[in-house]
Amino acid sequence: MPGSNPNFPYPPLADGVGAIRILTIHPADFSEALVCTLGSHTFSEHRHYAALSYTWDDAYRDNSALPTSKSMIAVPPELRSSVTWDGRSQGSQGPQAADSSTLSELESNKPDPITINAHPFLVHHNLHLCMLHLRSPTHPLKLWIDAVCINQDDTDECNKQVAIMSFIYSRADKVIAWLGAKPFPNQQNPFHCMSMDWKAGESSQLGAALAGDAKMRYTTILDKHTLSRLADSSYWTRLWIVQEACLAYDLEFVYGSNVWSFDRIRMLDPLEGIPHYDTDEKMRYGPMLRLIEARLARHTDVTRLENLIERFRGQACSDLKDRVYGLIGLANDARPFSDDGYQTFKKGRIKINRLRSFYDIWEDVVNHVYSLPRPIPRAWTLPGPAGTHADKLLRTLDREEREISIVRTSAIVQEALGQQVKCPSQSIESQGYNSSMRGTIRVIGYAAGKIVQMGPDYESLVRSPEANHEWVESWDEYYREERELQELRAMNEEYMFRILRFDKEDLSRIRHIRSLETTGWLMTSPALGSCDDQTGRWSELQSFPTQTSGILPNQHIQQQEPDPGISGVRICLGSNYVVALVPAEAEVGDVIVRFWNCRVAIVMRPFPLHTDRRFGLLLVGRADVARTDEQQANGRSDPYAERSLSFNARACPGRGAVDVEMDLPTLQIITTSLGNENR
């Protein structure tokens, strides 16, 4: 198996030039042992090869019992769902599913290693099945297979080969997507059945087609039942296949002995005839359709790195870092590298190194996304060449798009990395890190509301019926109209259901944060109340508190986590129907600042700057905010944020936009998930 061939003599790769190893599977009958040759080649040699896209684990549960040689016994049908290809039990039945004699017999069922360069070489069961089905009876088949062609025990080589993975797949004559083997239920000799199917099928013709000696013959039949079986393959759920399938010039899908072109698959509508209420059936085809859509849109804005991470953040992988590393090669705005010859700050380049921490990888992605403004679609244009006022205005709009969206992007990347991103546990100062050396970034949020009333602490809220009733009854001190109270009741019901599921770690993230680098600016004026015709939400913000004691920050962010048992988290009520959990240091008059299209929120304390209509804001800490009915009805979209952060609002002081300067450690802390929900 990959990582289990430490003594195999890999042919060395040429230094200083692009080089890969190519595996040649020698022609033979299906029943014969796999014999291969592995050679090292540079890209300048213009070698022809096909790249394999597959999953290391079995693509189907029933595939795990299929033998890989004629000498292996047939697994009894009643045990096929509980015993894997190497005799280990799986599933809910546990090891007791097979008695000791049966398991002892199954020990002989382990696959023989394949032979490469006259040496034994262990591969995963799924790959073994794949190679048997792809082998030609007449022609050598040249393949690039990551588990074989990369020395998995050499970290430096892995980093370098991963960095050029996109080049490997885009240069291949074909990319063969292995979806798994066909099932042979109730057959005493499934290996013989696979052999007969191989002889009658199309997969054995790949070698001749790649050599140019025959035209590729495709499977003609693809009925609904077969399509449903294809959709059930775990292939579609894996992370690495996204890059591999999307970068292919010629993509072909192989299922057992059947072969279909990508065009044949994409022309089908698997959802046709499925009732709209049958969500389970629609979910079955979700991963397949998502990959097809990504391949069709591979030359568009869809393949910007941030979009890829968001779209495929739920794909399965053995190393969560691959949810970034496995997509960089496909991104049209990023380039992976592993050599020290490049500097990490060079635009568009992200270093591949599996030894780096999750925080370093998150920081790389955030810096990358933030540094590359994305041209936003415009329904109008301004005349004038580059360098004119019109051109500068358009560039400013592009720049502000990044500043508005970077908080949401940060949260999505942390979710993709499994919430494993952790700022160093020691204080930053103790590590010799000065945040001023790394600089700050400017983000744009909006003032969601001003705290008008502090409620009970979290523990009392969830444990005491009396405290809960007093909290609800206190709303009419500020909101007096029945329609306002109705909206608050509905929002509070949904919010209480959510926060009751917070654990101690979630509560510890609603915390006081000290950071000198995090400051904000809010434009306001005596006419603020007229800037929002619907709520008049700014009418109360004319008298800001000037008391800032207790929140003046130290030079460095404090990384020590508070004791979650005594967190002091409290619920509060704000203007514009704001209900939020805030740290104990928050007080009436503080402003809840939210960010576009996500649940991220912070508490900031305003103070007058004695300049024209401008107020400063100091960071108090992180908050968690309930969604209004309007936000819930629009799904992920936040209509108020759209209005507050639109170009017209940004151009009109007083609409609620807030400029915030913060360092990356602070950004990481405020965008960590709460209750498994970033959005």
Foldseek 3Di string as FASTA:
>chain_A
DQVPPPPDDADDEDPPAAKWKKKKWDAAALQDFTAIEIDMDGVVVVDAAEEEQEDQAAQDQLQQQAALHQVAFRQPLVCSNFAGQQLAGDDDVHPVSDDPVSSVSSNVSHHFFGHYPNHGDDGGPQVSLVCSLQHANPAIHMYDYCSPTFRSVDQLRVQACLLCVLVVLLSHPEYEYEQHEDHDHPDRRVSVVLSVCSVVFQSNCVRCVSVVNDPRDADDDDDLVNLLVSLSTLSLQALLVLSNQLSHPWYWYDYRRGIDTLVVVVVDDNCPPPDPPPVVSVVSNVSVVLSNVCSVCLVDPCQAQLNQLLSNLRRDDPALLCSRSSRQSSRPQAHEHADPVDDLLPARYHYGHPVDALQVSLVSVLSNLLVDFDQDDDPDADDDDPPDPRNVVSVVVSNQVSQQCSLVSSLSSCVSSVVRHADDLQFCVVVVDQLVVVFWDKHKWFFLFFFAWWAAAPVCCVPPPVSVVVVLVPVCVPPPDPVLSVQLVVLVVVVVVQCVLFDLVLQLLQAFKAEPQKKKKAFADCCLLVLDPPFSRCNPLPDADADDPPRHHDHTINNHTDRSVPQRWTWTATTNSKIKTHGNPDDGRWTWIDGFLWQQIFTWGWHPPPDNRMIMTGTGGTMGITDTPVCVVVDSGDVLRCQCPPPVNVVDHSSGMMMIIDGVVRSNSRSRDRSSGTD
